[in-house]
Amino acid sequence: MLANRSLMTYYYYIERGNTPITNAAQRQELKMKTRNSKKPFDIPSFSESLKKDFEAGTIELKESAIEFHKANWTAFIDIEYTKKQFGIK
């Protein structure tokens, strides 16, 4: 990039504080700020998805416990663990 510019132009850029490195760093910083400002996808976790299904009435508590077991979240069909995950007393 600098190979095509004259030495005078290069010194002019340095005096103004606009070196290519500085501009690249500023562009990268701006890119990171805009990247972090975006919202990620709102994908529910496995337990949130089961809880929504349970609250909607599409599955029962025992079926939810079976799903937790099938997903290897529990070693056996544990109704108490399922209640704890769903916030049920």
N, C-alpha and C. Protein backbone atom coordinates (compact mmCIF):
# COMPACT_ATOMS: atom_id res chain seq x y z
N MET A 1 0.83 -1.20 0.00
CA MET A 1 0.00 0.00 0.00
C MET A 1 0.87 1.25 0.00
N LEU A 2 1.91 1.26 0.82
CA LEU A 2 2.78 2.43 0.88
C LEU A 2 3.79 2.46 -0.26
N ALA A 3 3.99 1.36 -0.96
CA ALA A 3 4.97 1.31 -2.04
C ALA A 3 4.59 2.26 -3.17
N ASN A 4 3.33 2.52 -3.37
CA ASN A 4 2.89 3.38 -4.46
C ASN A 4 2.90 4.86 -4.07
N ARG A 5 3.06 5.18 -2.83
CA ARG A 5 3.05 6.58 -2.40
C ARG A 5 4.47 7.12 -2.33
N SER A 6 4.56 8.41 -2.49
CA SER A 6 5.88 9.02 -2.36
C SER A 6 6.24 9.15 -0.90
N LEU A 7 7.50 9.39 -0.62
CA LEU A 7 7.98 9.52 0.74
C LEU A 7 7.35 10.74 1.42
N MET A 8 7.14 11.81 0.66
CA MET A 8 6.52 13.03 1.22
C MET A 8 5.09 12.74 1.68
N THR A 9 4.36 11.99 0.88
CA THR A 9 2.99 11.65 1.23
C THR A 9 2.98 10.80 2.49
N TYR A 10 3.94 9.88 2.59
CA TYR A 10 4.02 9.02 3.76
C TYR A 10 4.27 9.85 5.02
N TYR A 11 5.22 10.80 4.95
CA TYR A 11 5.50 11.64 6.11
C TYR A 11 4.29 12.53 6.46
N TYR A 12 3.57 12.99 5.44
CA TYR A 12 2.37 13.78 5.67
C TYR A 12 1.34 12.97 6.47
N TYR A 13 1.17 11.71 6.10
CA TYR A 13 0.23 10.85 6.82
C TYR A 13 0.68 10.62 8.26
N ILE A 14 1.97 10.44 8.46
CA ILE A 14 2.47 10.21 9.81
C ILE A 14 2.28 11.44 10.68
N GLU A 15 2.54 12.64 10.13
CA GLU A 15 2.36 13.88 10.89
C GLU A 15 0.91 14.05 11.34
N ARG A 16 -0.02 13.65 10.52
CA ARG A 16 -1.44 13.78 10.86
C ARG A 16 -1.91 12.67 11.80
N GLY A 17 -1.07 11.68 12.04
CA GLY A 17 -1.45 10.58 12.91
C GLY A 17 -2.32 9.55 12.23
N ASN A 18 -2.31 9.54 10.92
CA ASN A 18 -3.14 8.61 10.15
C ASN A 18 -2.30 7.54 9.48
N THR A 19 -1.49 6.85 10.24
CA THR A 19 -0.72 5.77 9.64
C THR A 19 -1.66 4.63 9.27
N PRO A 20 -1.31 3.84 8.28
CA PRO A 20 -2.18 2.72 7.90
C PRO A 20 -2.43 1.77 9.06
N ILE A 21 -1.46 1.59 9.93
CA ILE A 21 -1.63 0.70 11.07
C ILE A 21 -2.70 1.26 12.00
N THR A 22 -2.65 2.55 12.27
CA THR A 22 -3.62 3.18 13.15
C THR A 22 -5.03 3.07 12.56
N ASN A 23 -5.16 3.32 11.28
CA ASN A 23 -6.47 3.23 10.65
C ASN A 23 -7.00 1.79 10.68
N ALA A 24 -6.12 0.83 10.44
CA ALA A 24 -6.54 -0.56 10.47
C ALA A 24 -6.99 -0.96 11.87
N ALA A 25 -6.24 -0.48 12.87
CA ALA A 25 -6.62 -0.79 14.25
C ALA A 25 -7.96 -0.15 14.60
N GLN A 26 -8.18 1.06 14.12
CA GLN A 26 -9.45 1.74 14.38
C GLN A 26 -10.60 1.01 13.68
N ARG A 27 -10.37 0.55 12.46
CA ARG A 27 -11.41 -0.20 11.75
C ARG A 27 -11.73 -1.50 12.47
N GLN A 28 -10.69 -2.18 12.95
CA GLN A 28 -10.90 -3.44 13.66
C GLN A 28 -11.67 -3.20 14.95
N GLU A 29 -11.33 -2.14 15.67
CA GLU A 29 -12.03 -1.81 16.92
C GLU A 29 -13.50 -1.50 16.64
N LEU A 30 -13.77 -0.75 15.59
CA LEU A 30 -15.14 -0.43 15.22
C LEU A 30 -15.91 -1.69 14.83
N LYS A 31 -15.24 -2.60 14.11
CA LYS A 31 -15.88 -3.85 13.71
C LYS A 31 -16.25 -4.69 14.94
N MET A 32 -15.35 -4.72 15.93
CA MET A 32 -15.63 -5.50 17.14
C MET A 32 -16.78 -4.89 17.93
N LYS A 33 -16.86 -3.57 17.97
CA LYS A 33 -17.97 -2.93 18.69
C LYS A 33 -19.30 -3.24 18.04
N THR A 34 -19.35 -3.20 16.72
CA THR A 34 -20.62 -3.48 16.04
C THR A 34 -20.95 -4.96 16.12
N ARG A 35 -19.94 -5.82 16.13
CA ARG A 35 -20.19 -7.25 16.23
C ARG A 35 -20.77 -7.60 17.59
N ASN A 36 -20.27 -6.98 18.65
CA ASN A 36 -20.75 -7.28 20.00
C ASN A 36 -22.11 -6.67 20.28
N SER A 37 -22.51 -5.67 19.51
CA SER A 37 -23.79 -5.02 19.77
C SER A 37 -24.97 -5.81 19.20
N LYS A 38 -24.69 -6.77 18.33
CA LYS A 38 -25.76 -7.57 17.76
C LYS A 38 -26.26 -8.58 18.78
N LYS A 39 -27.56 -8.82 18.78
CA LYS A 39 -28.13 -9.82 19.69
C LYS A 39 -27.92 -11.20 19.09
N PRO A 40 -27.52 -12.15 19.92
CA PRO A 40 -27.40 -13.52 19.40
C PRO A 40 -28.79 -14.12 19.20
N PHE A 41 -28.82 -15.24 18.54
CA PHE A 41 -30.09 -15.92 18.33
C PHE A 41 -30.68 -16.33 19.67
N ASP A 42 -31.97 -16.19 19.80
CA ASP A 42 -32.64 -16.53 21.04
C ASP A 42 -33.11 -17.99 20.96
N ILE A 43 -32.16 -18.91 21.13
CA ILE A 43 -32.46 -20.34 21.05
C ILE A 43 -32.56 -20.87 22.47
N PRO A 44 -33.71 -21.42 22.86
CA PRO A 44 -33.84 -21.94 24.23
C PRO A 44 -33.00 -23.19 24.43
N SER A 45 -32.55 -23.38 25.67
CA SER A 45 -31.79 -24.58 25.99
C SER A 45 -32.74 -25.77 26.07
N PHE A 46 -32.17 -26.94 26.28
CA PHE A 46 -32.97 -28.16 26.34
C PHE A 46 -33.97 -28.10 27.49
N SER A 47 -33.50 -27.68 28.66
CA SER A 47 -34.41 -27.64 29.82
C SER A 47 -35.49 -26.56 29.65
N GLU A 48 -35.12 -25.42 29.04
CA GLU A 48 -36.12 -24.38 28.79
C GLU A 48 -37.18 -24.86 27.81
N SER A 49 -36.75 -25.60 26.80
CA SER A 49 -37.69 -26.12 25.82
C SER A 49 -38.66 -27.12 26.45
N LEU A 50 -38.11 -28.01 27.30
CA LEU A 50 -38.99 -28.96 27.99
C LEU A 50 -39.95 -28.24 28.94
N LYS A 51 -39.45 -27.21 29.61
CA LYS A 51 -40.30 -26.47 30.54
C LYS A 51 -41.45 -25.79 29.78
N LYS A 52 -41.15 -25.22 28.62
CA LYS A 52 -42.21 -24.60 27.82
C LYS A 52 -43.25 -25.62 27.39
N ASP A 53 -42.77 -26.79 26.97
CA ASP A 53 -43.71 -27.85 26.57
C ASP A 53 -44.56 -28.31 27.75
N PHE A 54 -43.95 -28.41 28.92
CA PHE A 54 -44.69 -28.82 30.11
C PHE A 54 -45.73 -27.77 30.51
N GLU A 55 -45.32 -26.51 30.47
CA GLU A 55 -46.26 -25.43 30.83
C GLU A 55 -47.38 -25.31 29.81
N ALA A 56 -47.10 -25.64 28.55
CA ALA A 56 -48.14 -25.58 27.52
C ALA A 56 -49.09 -26.77 27.61
N GLY A 57 -48.67 -27.80 28.35
CA GLY A 57 -49.53 -28.95 28.52
C GLY A 57 -49.37 -30.01 27.45
N THR A 58 -48.33 -29.90 26.64
CA THR A 58 -48.14 -30.89 25.59
C THR A 58 -47.46 -32.16 26.10
N ILE A 59 -46.72 -32.06 27.21
CA ILE A 59 -46.12 -33.25 27.81
C ILE A 59 -46.35 -33.21 29.33
N GLU A 60 -46.30 -34.38 29.95
CA GLU A 60 -46.50 -34.47 31.40
C GLU A 60 -45.14 -34.43 32.09
N LEU A 61 -45.18 -34.36 33.42
CA LEU A 61 -43.97 -34.29 34.21
C LEU A 61 -43.12 -35.56 34.04
N LYS A 62 -43.77 -36.72 34.03
CA LYS A 62 -43.05 -37.98 33.88
C LYS A 62 -42.39 -38.06 32.50
N GLU A 63 -43.09 -37.59 31.47
CA GLU A 63 -42.49 -37.57 30.14
C GLU A 63 -41.28 -36.65 30.07
N SER A 64 -41.34 -35.55 30.79
CA SER A 64 -40.20 -34.64 30.86
C SER A 64 -39.02 -35.31 31.55
N ALA A 65 -39.31 -36.05 32.63
CA ALA A 65 -38.24 -36.78 33.32
C ALA A 65 -37.61 -37.82 32.41
N ILE A 66 -38.43 -38.48 31.60
CA ILE A 66 -37.91 -39.45 30.64
C ILE A 66 -37.02 -38.76 29.61
N GLU A 67 -37.42 -37.59 29.16
CA GLU A 67 -36.62 -36.84 28.18
C GLU A 67 -35.28 -36.42 28.78
N PHE A 68 -35.29 -35.98 30.05
CA PHE A 68 -34.02 -35.65 30.72
C PHE A 68 -33.13 -36.89 30.77
N HIS A 69 -33.70 -38.05 31.04
CA HIS A 69 -32.93 -39.29 31.09
C HIS A 69 -32.39 -39.67 29.71
N LYS A 70 -33.21 -39.54 28.68
CA LYS A 70 -32.78 -39.87 27.32
C LYS A 70 -31.65 -38.95 26.85
N ALA A 71 -31.66 -37.71 27.32
CA ALA A 71 -30.63 -36.74 26.93
C ALA A 71 -29.38 -36.85 27.80
N ASN A 72 -29.34 -37.86 28.68
CA ASN A 72 -28.21 -38.11 29.58
C ASN A 72 -27.99 -36.97 30.58
N TRP A 73 -29.06 -36.30 30.97
CA TRP A 73 -28.95 -35.30 32.02
C TRP A 73 -29.07 -35.97 33.38
N THR A 74 -29.74 -37.12 33.44
CA THR A 74 -29.87 -37.88 34.67
C THR A 74 -29.53 -39.34 34.38
N ALA A 75 -29.10 -40.04 35.45
CA ALA A 75 -28.74 -41.45 35.28
C ALA A 75 -29.97 -42.35 35.26
N PHE A 76 -31.06 -41.84 35.79
CA PHE A 76 -32.31 -42.59 35.82
C PHE A 76 -33.46 -41.60 35.68
N ILE A 77 -34.69 -42.09 35.58
CA ILE A 77 -35.85 -41.21 35.45
C ILE A 77 -36.12 -40.59 36.81
N ASP A 78 -35.74 -39.33 36.94
CA ASP A 78 -35.76 -38.63 38.23
C ASP A 78 -36.81 -37.51 38.20
N ILE A 79 -37.94 -37.76 38.83
CA ILE A 79 -39.04 -36.78 38.87
C ILE A 79 -38.63 -35.57 39.72
N GLU A 80 -37.92 -35.80 40.82
CA GLU A 80 -37.52 -34.70 41.70
C GLU A 80 -36.58 -33.73 40.99
N TYR A 81 -35.64 -34.26 40.21
CA TYR A 81 -34.73 -33.41 39.45
C TYR A 81 -35.51 -32.58 38.42
N THR A 82 -36.48 -33.21 37.80
CA THR A 82 -37.30 -32.50 36.80
C THR A 82 -38.09 -31.38 37.47
N LYS A 83 -38.64 -31.64 38.65
CA LYS A 83 -39.36 -30.58 39.38
C LYS A 83 -38.43 -29.43 39.72
N LYS A 84 -37.20 -29.77 40.12
CA LYS A 84 -36.23 -28.75 40.48
C LYS A 84 -35.87 -27.89 39.26
N GLN A 85 -35.70 -28.54 38.11
CA GLN A 85 -35.38 -27.79 36.87
C GLN A 85 -36.53 -26.89 36.44
N PHE A 86 -37.75 -27.32 36.67
CA PHE A 86 -38.92 -26.54 36.26
C PHE A 86 -39.34 -25.54 37.31
N GLY A 87 -38.75 -25.60 38.50
CA GLY A 87 -39.12 -24.67 39.58
C GLY A 87 -40.42 -25.03 40.26
N ILE A 88 -40.75 -26.31 40.30
CA ILE A 88 -41.97 -26.80 40.93
C ILE A 88 -41.63 -27.35 42.29
N LYS A 89 -42.46 -27.05 43.29
CA LYS A 89 -42.23 -27.58 44.64
C LYS A 89 -43.13 -28.73 44.96
